[in-house]
Amino acid sequence: MSTEENNKKEELISEKQDLQDRLRSRSPEKDTLLKFICEYGELDFSEQPFCEGDDAVLAMLSYMDMSGLMEDGPLLLTELCERYLAEERGEQLLTYDAERLARYMARARRYRELKVSDLKEFIDGNTQFCAVCFHLPDGSCYAAFRGTDASVAGWKEDFSFAFLDETYGQRLAAEYLKELMERYGAPFHAGGHSKGGNLAIYAAAKLPAEFKDRLVKVWSNDGPGFRKNVLDDPGFLEIKDKTVVIVPEASVVGMIMPTFYERLIVKSDGALFFQHLPDCWLIKGGSFVRSEGLSGFSGWTEESIQGWLDEMDDDERRLFIEAVFGVLEASGLKSFDELTEDLVGRAGSIVQSIRNMDSGSRKHVLSMAVRFGKASTFALLKRFIKAMGLI
């Protein structure tokens, strides 16, 4: 690559980063995670015990591409960052800038002795799974479950929560946490962001009774809930007092599927979908700033999705999801990163795949879309009538 081409590439990267920062409202000067690391980074865990900020940074750190970096055993976070940067791994759409977070953490006294181990990854056409163990300087461990990345398989798995009592990813999560607690005798946190939060709760609920006493906290950062019958499992009730569910005031993902755990609603400085990201949530003193309640949009989203799902049985849900993702798979799309690389070409392939659908599948997808439109309209009307004081 010529010097001129390289300079242009760096300018584009810089412009893209500036745009992301404006949308996510991130900077070390704002009361978000970067500032938390800067302010509390010189305090060890005896001076500032494990807090909500620690949970969020570790959950986000699990998005860092660690594949192949720990083949010779556990690493200090500083060593992991050095290896990662030396390989110049390419940017991905949904890694939530874990690399930037890791740079700040590696320079902080609080996390300098943090060790990383037990990376486990699995992906096929229906499942995207990744988990890693962080060994904290206070002697405890944090089992971090990665949320959904850019893979089509990962998003397909998310939607399968709607008709499966247990996904393969949830089974892997339960096995992983149990194996970690057998291997290490330390107190344990389990947590994750987005789908990772769902996996953390599921894994903790499925633990044998002899391990649950060593559970300190279970953290879900804007993660989806569960099918109602799944929550009937006594294991979920057993961990209720140890479970912390955090959602931003304009949450969407955290409103998908029910939960009986109390939600901590926090203020976010991010725009639109970026509210989903913990590095936009406002934090002071190690705790996220509480909001008075969910936004009207978030409440409407929850009512719309749940109303839509309640109208469908499991077979209808499965057929709809398989049809939609069948279109994406038939187009050759494996990752949503590919859309940013060739939007026109990929869009054309998806349109052609829709044309090639059999009439029965096409009608079913259209019918489900119409049902969602009705459910969302009804939810909006209901909220309007309630606001007018008529009900």
Protein backbone atom coordinates (compact mmCIF):
# COMPACT_ATOMS: atom_id res chain seq x y z
CA MET A 1 0.00 0.00 0.00
CA SER A 2 1.38 3.41 -0.95
CA THR A 3 1.90 6.20 1.58
CA GLU A 4 -0.97 8.18 0.04
CA GLU A 5 -3.35 5.20 0.23
CA ASN A 6 -2.32 4.51 3.80
CA ASN A 7 -2.94 8.15 4.80
CA LYS A 8 -6.41 8.05 3.22
CA LYS A 9 -7.20 4.83 5.10
CA GLU A 10 -6.12 6.41 8.40
CA GLU A 11 -8.27 9.48 7.69
CA LEU A 12 -11.32 7.29 7.01
CA ILE A 13 -10.73 5.32 10.21
CA SER A 14 -10.38 8.57 12.16
CA GLU A 15 -13.59 9.99 10.67
CA LYS A 16 -15.44 6.76 11.44
CA GLN A 17 -14.19 6.79 15.03
CA ASP A 18 -15.26 10.43 15.46
CA LEU A 19 -18.75 9.56 14.21
CA GLN A 20 -19.01 6.57 16.52
CA ASP A 21 -17.86 8.68 19.46
CA ARG A 22 -20.50 11.33 18.73
CA LEU A 23 -23.27 8.72 18.45
CA ARG A 24 -22.12 6.81 21.51
CA SER A 25 -21.19 10.01 23.38
CA ARG A 26 -17.99 8.38 24.60
CA SER A 27 -14.94 10.21 25.84
CA PRO A 28 -12.85 10.09 29.00
CA GLU A 29 -14.40 13.43 29.97
CA LYS A 30 -17.98 12.13 30.08
CA ASP A 31 -19.35 10.11 33.01
CA THR A 32 -19.14 6.81 31.12
CA LEU A 33 -17.00 3.68 31.42
CA LEU A 34 -13.82 5.27 30.07
CA LYS A 35 -13.97 7.92 32.77
CA PHE A 36 -14.70 5.23 35.37
CA ILE A 37 -11.50 3.42 34.36
CA CYS A 38 -9.52 6.66 34.45
CA GLU A 39 -10.87 7.73 37.87
CA TYR A 40 -10.95 4.36 39.62
CA GLY A 41 -8.07 2.77 37.76
CA GLU A 42 -5.61 3.64 40.53
CA LEU A 43 -7.77 2.08 43.25
CA ASP A 44 -7.27 -1.60 43.95
CA PHE A 45 -10.15 -3.88 44.95
CA SER A 46 -9.48 -3.43 48.66
CA GLU A 47 -10.02 0.32 48.25
CA GLN A 48 -12.99 0.03 45.87
CA PRO A 49 -14.72 -3.38 45.96
CA PHE A 50 -16.12 -4.97 42.80
CA CYS A 51 -18.90 -2.75 41.47
CA GLU A 52 -21.26 -2.21 38.53
CA GLY A 53 -18.51 -0.50 36.56
CA ASP A 54 -16.25 -3.56 36.86
CA ASP A 55 -19.05 -5.82 35.68
CA ALA A 56 -19.67 -3.69 32.60
CA VAL A 57 -16.02 -3.37 31.53
CA LEU A 58 -15.42 -7.12 31.89
CA ALA A 59 -18.61 -7.97 30.00
CA MET A 60 -17.53 -5.66 27.18
CA LEU A 61 -13.96 -6.94 27.22
CA SER A 62 -15.25 -10.39 26.26
CA TYR A 63 -15.95 -9.02 22.76
CA MET A 64 -12.20 -8.68 22.15
CA ASP A 65 -10.99 -11.22 19.59
CA MET A 66 -8.76 -13.44 21.76
CA SER A 67 -8.74 -16.43 19.44
CA GLY A 68 -5.33 -18.11 19.36
CA LEU A 69 -3.77 -15.69 21.84
CA MET A 70 -3.88 -17.91 24.94
CA GLU A 71 -2.74 -21.27 23.61
CA ASP A 72 0.17 -21.36 26.08
CA GLY A 73 -2.00 -20.70 29.14
CA PRO A 74 -3.45 -17.77 31.12
CA LEU A 75 -2.19 -14.27 30.37
CA LEU A 76 -2.08 -10.98 32.17
CA LEU A 77 -4.37 -8.44 30.50
CA THR A 78 -1.32 -6.37 29.55
CA GLU A 79 0.22 -9.40 27.78
CA LEU A 80 -3.03 -10.16 26.01
CA CYS A 81 -3.25 -6.60 24.69
CA GLU A 82 0.35 -6.71 23.48
CA ARG A 83 -0.30 -9.90 21.51
CA TYR A 84 -3.56 -8.57 20.12
CA LEU A 85 -2.04 -5.31 18.91
CA ALA A 86 1.01 -7.07 17.46
CA GLU A 87 -1.25 -9.06 15.13
CA GLU A 88 -3.18 -5.99 13.90
CA ARG A 89 -6.46 -7.86 13.81
CA GLY A 90 -9.10 -6.35 11.58
CA GLU A 91 -12.03 -4.31 12.85
CA GLN A 92 -15.42 -6.01 13.13
CA LEU A 93 -18.83 -4.40 13.09
CA LEU A 94 -20.11 -5.55 16.47
CA THR A 95 -17.04 -5.83 18.68
CA TYR A 96 -18.18 -2.69 20.55
CA ASP A 97 -14.63 -1.28 20.53
CA ALA A 98 -13.36 -3.77 23.11
CA GLU A 99 -9.80 -3.04 21.93
CA ARG A 100 -10.05 0.60 23.05
CA LEU A 101 -11.47 -0.47 26.40
CA ALA A 102 -8.65 -2.98 26.87
CA ARG A 103 -6.02 -0.30 26.25
CA TYR A 104 -7.42 1.83 29.08
CA MET A 105 -7.75 -1.17 31.40
CA ALA A 106 -4.20 -2.42 30.75
CA ARG A 107 -2.82 0.95 31.87
CA ALA A 108 -4.89 1.01 35.07
CA ARG A 109 -3.43 -0.26 38.34
CA ARG A 110 -6.84 -1.76 39.19
CA TYR A 111 -6.68 -4.21 36.28
CA ARG A 112 -2.93 -4.54 35.74
CA GLU A 113 -2.76 -7.91 37.53
CA LEU A 114 -5.97 -9.18 35.94
CA LYS A 115 -5.44 -12.61 34.37
CA VAL A 116 -7.40 -14.04 31.46
CA SER A 117 -7.93 -17.77 30.87
CA ASP A 118 -10.19 -20.56 29.66
CA LEU A 119 -11.30 -19.07 26.35
CA LYS A 120 -14.00 -21.24 24.79
CA GLU A 121 -15.41 -20.57 21.33
CA PHE A 122 -17.92 -22.40 19.17
CA ILE A 123 -19.77 -21.44 16.01
CA ASP A 124 -21.87 -23.33 13.46
CA GLY A 125 -24.93 -22.47 11.40
CA ASN A 126 -27.18 -22.10 14.46
CA THR A 127 -24.93 -21.13 17.36
CA GLN A 128 -22.32 -18.47 18.15
CA PHE A 129 -20.73 -18.94 21.57
CA CYS A 130 -17.75 -17.44 23.33
CA ALA A 131 -16.83 -17.28 27.01
CA VAL A 132 -13.71 -16.37 28.96
CA CYS A 133 -12.64 -16.30 32.60
CA PHE A 134 -11.16 -13.20 34.25
CA HIS A 135 -9.17 -13.76 37.47
CA LEU A 136 -9.45 -10.62 39.58
CA PRO A 137 -6.75 -9.35 41.97
CA ASP A 138 -9.21 -9.70 44.89
CA GLY A 139 -9.16 -13.49 44.46
CA SER A 140 -12.56 -13.81 42.76
CA CYS A 141 -13.32 -14.81 39.17
CA TYR A 142 -15.69 -13.37 36.58
CA ALA A 143 -17.06 -15.75 33.93
CA ALA A 144 -17.85 -13.52 30.96
CA PHE A 145 -20.22 -14.63 28.22
CA ARG A 146 -19.96 -12.77 24.93
CA GLY A 147 -23.10 -11.36 23.40
CA THR A 148 -24.06 -11.55 19.76
CA ASP A 149 -21.34 -10.70 17.28
CA ALA A 150 -21.79 -9.88 13.60
CA SER A 151 -22.37 -13.49 12.50
CA VAL A 152 -25.72 -14.46 10.97
CA ALA A 153 -25.58 -17.61 13.12
CA GLY A 154 -25.43 -15.49 16.26
CA TRP A 155 -28.51 -13.49 15.34
CA LYS A 156 -30.40 -16.62 14.32
CA GLU A 157 -29.62 -18.10 17.74
CA ASP A 158 -30.99 -14.95 19.45
CA PHE A 159 -34.32 -15.30 17.71
CA SER A 160 -34.51 -19.01 18.56
CA PHE A 161 -34.97 -18.02 22.22
CA ALA A 162 -38.57 -17.39 21.17
CA PHE A 163 -39.39 -21.08 20.52
CA LEU A 164 -36.69 -23.17 22.27
CA ASP A 165 -36.59 -23.92 25.98
CA GLU A 166 -32.82 -24.39 25.70
CA THR A 167 -30.51 -23.37 22.88
CA TYR A 168 -27.20 -25.13 22.30
CA GLY A 169 -25.43 -21.92 23.35
CA GLN A 170 -27.26 -21.94 26.69
CA ARG A 171 -26.25 -25.57 27.23
CA LEU A 172 -22.63 -24.68 26.49
CA ALA A 173 -22.83 -21.78 28.93
CA ALA A 174 -24.15 -24.02 31.73
CA GLU A 175 -21.41 -26.58 31.12
CA TYR A 176 -18.73 -23.87 30.95
CA LEU A 177 -19.63 -22.19 34.27
CA LYS A 178 -19.88 -25.55 36.06
CA GLU A 179 -16.46 -26.60 34.71
CA LEU A 180 -14.88 -23.31 35.81
CA MET A 181 -16.25 -23.59 39.33
CA GLU A 182 -14.99 -27.17 39.55
CA ARG A 183 -11.53 -26.07 38.38
CA TYR A 184 -11.20 -22.97 40.55
CA GLY A 185 -12.29 -22.77 44.17
CA ALA A 186 -12.76 -19.01 44.07
CA PRO A 187 -15.93 -16.94 44.57
CA PHE A 188 -17.52 -16.33 41.17
CA HIS A 189 -19.34 -13.62 39.29
CA ALA A 190 -21.06 -14.57 36.03
CA GLY A 191 -22.06 -11.90 33.56
CA GLY A 192 -22.39 -10.68 30.04
CA HIS A 193 -23.82 -8.06 27.74
CA SER A 194 -26.84 -8.59 25.48
CA LYS A 195 -27.19 -12.33 24.74
CA GLY A 196 -24.25 -12.84 27.10
CA GLY A 197 -26.43 -11.65 30.00
CA ASN A 198 -29.07 -14.23 29.12
CA LEU A 199 -26.38 -16.95 29.01
CA ALA A 200 -24.95 -15.88 32.38
CA ILE A 201 -28.34 -16.10 34.11
CA TYR A 202 -29.14 -19.42 32.46
CA ALA A 203 -25.74 -20.92 33.38
CA ALA A 204 -26.05 -19.77 37.01
CA ALA A 205 -29.61 -21.10 37.31
CA LYS A 206 -28.50 -24.53 36.09
CA LEU A 207 -25.59 -24.84 38.54
CA PRO A 208 -25.72 -27.74 41.01
CA ALA A 209 -26.67 -26.59 44.51
CA GLU A 210 -23.17 -27.09 45.93
CA PHE A 211 -21.77 -24.40 43.63
CA LYS A 212 -24.40 -21.71 44.14
CA ASP A 213 -23.02 -20.70 47.54
CA ARG A 214 -19.86 -19.49 45.78
CA LEU A 215 -21.83 -17.31 43.39
CA VAL A 216 -21.33 -13.66 44.33
CA LYS A 217 -23.45 -11.98 41.64
CA VAL A 218 -24.99 -12.78 38.27
CA TRP A 219 -24.99 -9.80 35.88
CA SER A 220 -27.11 -9.20 32.79
CA ASN A 221 -26.35 -5.97 30.93
CA ASP A 222 -29.34 -5.26 28.68
CA GLY A 223 -29.81 -8.96 27.96
CA PRO A 224 -33.04 -10.55 26.70
CA GLY A 225 -35.27 -12.54 29.03
CA PHE A 226 -36.64 -16.06 28.80
CA ARG A 227 -39.72 -17.99 27.78
CA LYS A 228 -42.25 -18.00 30.60
CA ASN A 229 -42.09 -21.77 31.12
CA VAL A 230 -38.27 -21.64 31.35
CA LEU A 231 -38.55 -19.24 34.30
CA ASP A 232 -40.67 -21.87 36.10
CA ASP A 233 -37.44 -23.82 36.75
CA PRO A 234 -36.69 -23.43 40.51
CA GLY A 235 -33.03 -22.71 39.66
CA PHE A 236 -33.96 -19.25 38.39
CA LEU A 237 -35.72 -18.38 41.64
CA GLU A 238 -32.77 -19.68 43.69
CA ILE A 239 -30.44 -17.06 42.17
CA LYS A 240 -32.95 -14.20 42.21
CA ASP A 241 -31.35 -12.34 45.14
CA LYS A 242 -27.92 -12.55 43.46
CA THR A 243 -29.05 -11.45 39.99
CA VAL A 244 -28.58 -7.88 38.74
CA VAL A 245 -30.36 -6.95 35.51
CA ILE A 246 -29.30 -3.57 34.13
CA VAL A 247 -31.07 -1.89 31.20
CA PRO A 248 -30.80 1.62 29.72
CA GLU A 249 -33.86 3.85 29.80
CA ALA A 250 -34.50 3.33 26.05
CA SER A 251 -33.78 -0.40 26.08
CA VAL A 252 -34.94 -2.58 23.20
CA VAL A 253 -32.93 -5.80 23.51
CA GLY A 254 -33.52 -5.98 27.26
CA MET A 255 -37.28 -5.83 26.64
CA ILE A 256 -37.32 -8.99 24.52
CA MET A 257 -38.90 -11.93 26.40
CA PRO A 258 -40.13 -11.86 30.02
CA THR A 259 -38.09 -11.75 33.24
CA PHE A 260 -39.12 -11.75 36.89
CA TYR A 261 -35.84 -10.17 37.98
CA GLU A 262 -36.07 -6.52 38.97
CA ARG A 263 -34.54 -4.26 36.35
CA LEU A 264 -32.14 -1.48 37.27
CA ILE A 265 -32.97 1.25 34.77
CA VAL A 266 -30.00 3.52 34.08
CA LYS A 267 -29.38 6.73 32.19
CA SER A 268 -27.56 6.57 28.88
CA ASP A 269 -25.91 9.28 26.81
CA GLY A 270 -25.99 7.26 23.59
CA ALA A 271 -28.19 7.87 20.57
CA LEU A 272 -30.61 5.35 19.10
CA PHE A 273 -29.37 1.75 19.18
CA PHE A 274 -26.16 2.86 20.89
CA GLN A 275 -28.13 3.01 24.15
CA HIS A 276 -27.66 -0.78 24.12
CA LEU A 277 -23.94 -0.34 24.77
CA PRO A 278 -22.74 -0.07 28.39
CA ASP A 279 -19.95 2.30 27.38
CA CYS A 280 -22.71 4.91 26.88
CA TRP A 281 -24.32 4.43 30.29
CA LEU A 282 -23.70 7.22 32.78
CA ILE A 283 -21.76 6.15 35.84
CA LYS A 284 -20.69 7.87 39.06
CA GLY A 285 -18.93 6.41 42.07
CA GLY A 286 -18.75 2.95 40.53
CA SER A 287 -22.53 2.72 40.07
CA PHE A 288 -24.63 3.59 37.07
CA VAL A 289 -26.83 6.65 37.36
CA ARG A 290 -30.42 5.52 37.91
CA SER A 291 -33.24 6.69 35.67
CA GLU A 292 -36.78 7.35 36.86
CA GLY A 293 -38.11 4.76 34.44
CA LEU A 294 -38.17 3.36 30.94
CA SER A 295 -38.84 5.65 28.03
CA GLY A 296 -42.18 5.48 26.26
CA PHE A 297 -40.46 3.93 23.25
CA SER A 298 -38.94 1.15 25.35
CA GLY A 299 -42.26 0.33 26.99
CA TRP A 300 -44.01 0.30 23.62
CA THR A 301 -41.32 -2.02 22.23
CA GLU A 302 -41.80 -4.51 25.07
CA GLU A 303 -45.58 -4.52 24.69
CA SER A 304 -45.39 -4.83 20.90
CA ILE A 305 -42.95 -7.74 20.87
CA GLN A 306 -44.69 -9.63 23.66
CA GLY A 307 -48.12 -9.04 22.12
CA TRP A 308 -46.81 -10.34 18.79
CA LEU A 309 -45.21 -13.44 20.32
CA ASP A 310 -48.32 -14.22 22.35
CA GLU A 311 -50.30 -14.54 19.11
CA MET A 312 -47.97 -17.26 17.75
CA ASP A 313 -47.40 -20.83 18.85
CA ASP A 314 -43.90 -22.34 18.83
CA ASP A 315 -44.24 -23.85 15.36
CA GLU A 316 -45.26 -20.51 13.87
CA ARG A 317 -42.35 -18.76 15.55
CA ARG A 318 -39.90 -21.41 14.33
CA LEU A 319 -41.19 -21.35 10.75
CA PHE A 320 -40.99 -17.54 10.63
CA ILE A 321 -37.43 -17.40 11.95
CA GLU A 322 -36.23 -20.25 9.74
CA ALA A 323 -37.76 -18.58 6.68
CA VAL A 324 -36.16 -15.18 7.38
CA PHE A 325 -32.72 -16.60 8.10
CA GLY A 326 -33.09 -19.09 5.26
CA VAL A 327 -33.22 -16.07 2.93
CA LEU A 328 -30.02 -14.64 4.42
CA GLU A 329 -28.21 -17.99 4.26
CA ALA A 330 -29.34 -18.61 0.68
CA SER A 331 -27.87 -15.23 -0.28
CA GLY A 332 -24.47 -16.44 0.97
CA LEU A 333 -24.38 -13.91 3.82
CA LYS A 334 -22.41 -15.26 6.81
CA SER A 335 -21.72 -12.02 8.66
CA PHE A 336 -23.40 -8.62 8.76
CA ASP A 337 -19.92 -7.16 8.39
CA GLU A 338 -20.22 -8.22 4.74
CA LEU A 339 -23.08 -5.74 4.23
CA THR A 340 -20.77 -2.84 5.01
CA GLU A 341 -18.20 -4.18 2.54
CA ASP A 342 -20.61 -4.66 -0.39
CA LEU A 343 -24.06 -3.31 0.47
CA VAL A 344 -25.40 -3.16 -3.09
CA GLY A 345 -24.19 -6.62 -4.05
CA ARG A 346 -25.38 -8.26 -0.86
CA ALA A 347 -28.76 -6.51 -0.99
CA GLY A 348 -29.21 -7.80 -4.53
CA SER A 349 -28.46 -11.37 -3.40
CA ILE A 350 -30.97 -11.08 -0.53
CA VAL A 351 -33.69 -9.76 -2.86
CA GLN A 352 -33.05 -12.66 -5.25
CA SER A 353 -33.29 -15.12 -2.35
CA ILE A 354 -36.68 -13.64 -1.40
CA ARG A 355 -37.85 -14.13 -4.98
CA ASN A 356 -36.74 -17.74 -4.84
CA MET A 357 -38.73 -18.51 -1.67
CA ASP A 358 -41.58 -20.96 -2.08
CA SER A 359 -45.00 -19.31 -1.96
CA GLY A 360 -45.93 -20.93 1.36
CA SER A 361 -42.88 -19.52 3.17
CA ARG A 362 -43.37 -16.11 1.59
CA LYS A 363 -47.00 -15.99 2.73
CA HIS A 364 -46.05 -17.05 6.24
CA VAL A 365 -43.40 -14.33 6.57
CA LEU A 366 -45.83 -11.72 5.24
CA SER A 367 -48.54 -12.91 7.63
CA MET A 368 -46.17 -12.65 10.62
CA ALA A 369 -45.11 -9.16 9.53
CA VAL A 370 -48.75 -8.06 9.36
CA ARG A 371 -49.36 -9.52 12.82
CA PHE A 372 -46.45 -7.54 14.23
CA GLY A 373 -47.86 -4.40 12.66
CA LYS A 374 -51.19 -5.05 14.36
CA ALA A 375 -49.55 -5.84 17.72
CA SER A 376 -47.43 -2.70 17.67
CA THR A 377 -50.38 -0.53 16.61
CA PHE A 378 -52.53 -1.98 19.40
CA ALA A 379 -49.75 -1.38 21.96
CA LEU A 380 -49.42 2.23 20.79
CA LEU A 381 -53.19 2.80 20.95
CA LYS A 382 -53.36 1.26 24.42
CA ARG A 383 -50.61 3.57 25.69
CA PHE A 384 -52.35 6.60 24.17
CA ILE A 385 -55.69 5.74 25.80
CA LYS A 386 -53.95 5.20 29.13
CA ALA A 387 -52.13 8.54 28.83
CA MET A 388 -55.52 10.22 28.23
CA GLY A 389 -56.74 8.74 31.51
CA LEU A 390 -59.46 6.68 29.81
CA ILE A 391 -58.30 3.39 31.36
